[in-house]
């Protein structure tokens, strides 16, 4: 089994093309926190899915906890560390989706929330001034959700965070 740290460290190289404004960074931090809170709220649903064993649910829970820590670090970060933190945030979302991809019968809500989280990653990157990079895409089952607008993604994440 691969450790969560190893999974989160598998990131493509990115370059910083400029710094975001304080307002943009504030929105990026809020979006990162929304992703972490939504995935934390979604965790009980994921654990109840048939076919999710204890080891897999523990791994996913660890990644979700790590994302909460990363979101808190983004909120307090200096601009020089934001690139790495946002990269780790995106990698964590992809890690969870990759771990769940082979599970048959994932509820549409799980797919939607993971797609919404992935849809906000480029918005967060743009807010802090990261140049567009080729990204690892989630599976086909997430494609509709990824195409959503940022406000729609934020609304879905807020519902998931509230346990709806």
Protein backbone atom coordinates (compact mmCIF):
# COMPACT_ATOMS: atom_id res chain seq x y z
CA UNK A 1 0.00 0.00 0.00
CA UNK A 2 1.24 3.48 -0.82
CA UNK A 3 1.31 5.95 2.05
CA UNK A 4 -0.83 9.07 1.82
CA UNK A 5 2.27 11.26 1.95
CA UNK A 6 3.70 9.41 -1.05
CA UNK A 7 0.41 9.85 -2.91
CA UNK A 8 0.25 13.56 -2.10
CA UNK A 9 3.85 14.09 -3.15
CA UNK A 10 3.21 12.89 -6.73
CA UNK A 11 2.73 16.31 -8.27
CA UNK A 12 3.55 17.77 -11.65
CA UNK A 13 6.04 20.64 -11.65
CA UNK A 14 4.43 24.08 -11.74
CA UNK A 15 5.75 27.55 -12.17
CA UNK A 16 4.67 30.70 -10.43
CA UNK A 17 3.86 33.41 -12.93
CA UNK A 18 2.81 36.07 -10.48
CA UNK A 19 1.36 36.64 -7.09
CA UNK A 20 -2.32 36.92 -6.51
CA UNK A 21 -3.88 39.89 -4.79
CA UNK A 22 -4.83 39.66 -1.12
CA UNK A 23 -8.49 39.36 -2.13
CA UNK A 24 -7.71 36.56 -4.59
CA UNK A 25 -5.60 34.73 -2.01
CA UNK A 26 -8.40 35.12 0.52
CA UNK A 27 -10.87 33.55 -1.95
CA UNK A 28 -8.37 30.78 -2.72
CA UNK A 29 -8.05 30.04 1.01
CA UNK A 30 -11.85 30.01 1.37
CA UNK A 31 -12.16 27.63 -1.59
CA UNK A 32 -9.45 25.35 -0.17
CA UNK A 33 -11.26 25.29 3.17
CA UNK A 34 -14.54 24.54 1.39
CA UNK A 35 -12.97 21.57 -0.39
CA UNK A 36 -11.55 20.19 2.85
CA UNK A 37 -14.84 20.70 4.74
CA UNK A 38 -16.90 19.14 1.95
CA UNK A 39 -14.71 16.05 1.80
CA UNK A 40 -14.83 15.78 5.60
CA UNK A 41 -18.63 16.01 5.42
CA UNK A 42 -18.68 13.40 2.64
CA UNK A 43 -16.49 10.94 4.56
CA UNK A 44 -19.36 9.17 6.41
CA UNK A 45 -21.08 8.55 3.06
CA UNK A 46 -17.87 7.18 1.57
CA UNK A 47 -17.31 4.87 4.54
CA UNK A 48 -20.83 3.42 4.19
CA UNK A 49 -20.31 2.48 0.53
CA UNK A 50 -20.37 -1.27 -0.03
CA UNK A 51 -16.95 -2.45 -1.13
CA UNK A 52 -14.98 0.10 0.88
CA UNK A 53 -12.85 -1.88 3.29
CA UNK A 54 -11.41 -0.65 6.54
CA UNK A 55 -7.95 -0.07 5.05
CA UNK A 56 -9.33 2.00 2.17
CA UNK A 57 -11.63 4.06 4.37
CA UNK A 58 -8.75 4.69 6.78
CA UNK A 59 -6.52 5.80 3.91
CA UNK A 60 -9.19 8.12 2.52
CA UNK A 61 -9.83 9.48 6.02
CA UNK A 62 -6.12 10.22 6.37
CA UNK A 63 -6.05 12.07 3.05
CA UNK A 64 -9.14 14.07 4.07
CA UNK A 65 -7.45 15.02 7.35
CA UNK A 66 -4.32 16.02 5.43
CA UNK A 67 -6.44 18.22 3.15
CA UNK A 68 -7.86 19.98 6.21
CA UNK A 69 -4.33 20.69 7.37
CA UNK A 70 -3.30 21.91 3.92
CA UNK A 71 -6.34 24.23 3.74
CA UNK A 72 -5.40 25.74 7.10
CA UNK A 73 -1.83 26.23 5.89
CA UNK A 74 -3.07 27.93 2.71
CA UNK A 75 -5.06 30.39 4.83
CA UNK A 76 -1.93 31.29 6.82
CA UNK A 77 0.69 30.93 4.08
CA UNK A 78 3.05 33.45 2.61
CA UNK A 79 2.90 33.67 -1.17
CA UNK A 80 6.11 31.67 -1.60
CA UNK A 81 4.61 28.49 -0.17
CA UNK A 82 1.19 28.73 -1.80
CA UNK A 83 2.21 26.93 -5.01
CA UNK A 84 3.30 23.82 -3.15
CA UNK A 85 0.28 23.83 -0.86
CA UNK A 86 -2.22 24.24 -3.69
CA UNK A 87 -0.45 21.48 -5.61
CA UNK A 88 -0.81 19.19 -2.60
CA UNK A 89 -4.49 20.13 -2.29
CA UNK A 90 -5.14 19.15 -5.91
CA UNK A 91 -3.14 15.96 -5.53
CA UNK A 92 -5.19 15.01 -2.48
CA UNK A 93 -8.47 15.40 -4.36
CA UNK A 94 -7.12 13.28 -7.20
CA UNK A 95 -5.83 10.70 -4.71
CA UNK A 96 -9.27 10.28 -3.18
CA UNK A 97 -10.91 10.00 -6.60
CA UNK A 98 -8.28 7.50 -7.74
CA UNK A 99 -8.81 5.37 -4.65
CA UNK A 100 -12.58 5.39 -5.21
CA UNK A 101 -12.51 4.92 -9.00
CA UNK A 102 -12.48 1.10 -8.91
CA UNK A 103 -15.42 0.95 -6.47
CA UNK A 104 -18.60 -0.10 -8.24
CA UNK A 105 -21.78 1.84 -7.65
CA UNK A 106 -20.40 5.08 -6.24
CA UNK A 107 -23.31 7.35 -5.32
CA UNK A 108 -23.78 10.28 -7.68
CA UNK A 109 -23.32 12.67 -4.73
CA UNK A 110 -19.78 11.37 -4.15
CA UNK A 111 -18.98 11.82 -7.83
CA UNK A 112 -20.49 15.31 -7.85
CA UNK A 113 -18.64 16.52 -4.75
CA UNK A 114 -15.29 15.18 -5.97
CA UNK A 115 -15.93 16.77 -9.37
CA UNK A 116 -16.82 20.09 -7.71
CA UNK A 117 -13.61 19.96 -5.67
CA UNK A 118 -11.59 19.29 -8.82
CA UNK A 119 -13.43 22.09 -10.65
CA UNK A 120 -12.21 24.62 -8.07
CA UNK A 121 -8.54 23.63 -8.19
CA UNK A 122 -7.81 25.65 -11.38
CA UNK A 123 -9.74 28.59 -9.89
CA UNK A 124 -7.54 28.44 -6.78
CA UNK A 125 -4.41 28.15 -8.92
CA UNK A 126 -5.39 31.18 -10.99
CA UNK A 127 -6.17 33.18 -7.85
CA UNK A 128 -2.66 32.73 -6.51
CA UNK A 129 -0.98 33.25 -9.88
CA UNK A 130 -0.03 29.72 -10.94
CA UNK A 131 0.41 29.33 -14.67
CA UNK A 132 -1.86 26.80 -16.34
CA UNK A 133 -0.34 23.35 -16.12
CA UNK A 134 -1.29 20.05 -17.68
CA UNK A 135 -3.36 18.37 -15.03
CA UNK A 136 -4.08 14.86 -14.06
CA UNK A 137 -7.73 14.40 -14.78
CA UNK A 138 -10.20 12.47 -12.73
CA UNK A 139 -11.96 9.54 -14.31
CA UNK A 140 -14.74 9.88 -16.86
CA UNK A 141 -17.37 9.48 -14.14
CA UNK A 142 -16.39 12.93 -12.77
CA UNK A 143 -16.36 14.80 -16.10
CA UNK A 144 -19.80 16.45 -15.86
CA UNK A 145 -19.10 17.86 -12.43
CA UNK A 146 -15.68 19.17 -13.43
CA UNK A 147 -17.30 21.32 -16.11
CA UNK A 148 -19.33 23.28 -13.54
CA UNK A 149 -18.84 26.97 -12.83
CA UNK A 150 -17.00 28.02 -9.63
CA UNK A 151 -20.14 29.32 -7.87
CA UNK A 152 -21.98 26.08 -8.58
CA UNK A 153 -19.00 24.09 -7.30
CA UNK A 154 -18.88 26.22 -4.13
CA UNK A 155 -22.60 25.61 -3.53
CA UNK A 156 -22.17 21.84 -3.88
CA UNK A 157 -19.18 21.87 -1.55
CA UNK A 158 -21.14 23.87 1.04
CA UNK A 159 -23.95 21.30 0.95
CA UNK A 160 -21.47 18.44 1.37
CA UNK A 161 -19.76 20.21 4.27
CA UNK A 162 -23.14 20.54 5.96
CA UNK A 163 -23.67 16.79 5.58
CA UNK A 164 -26.53 17.11 3.11
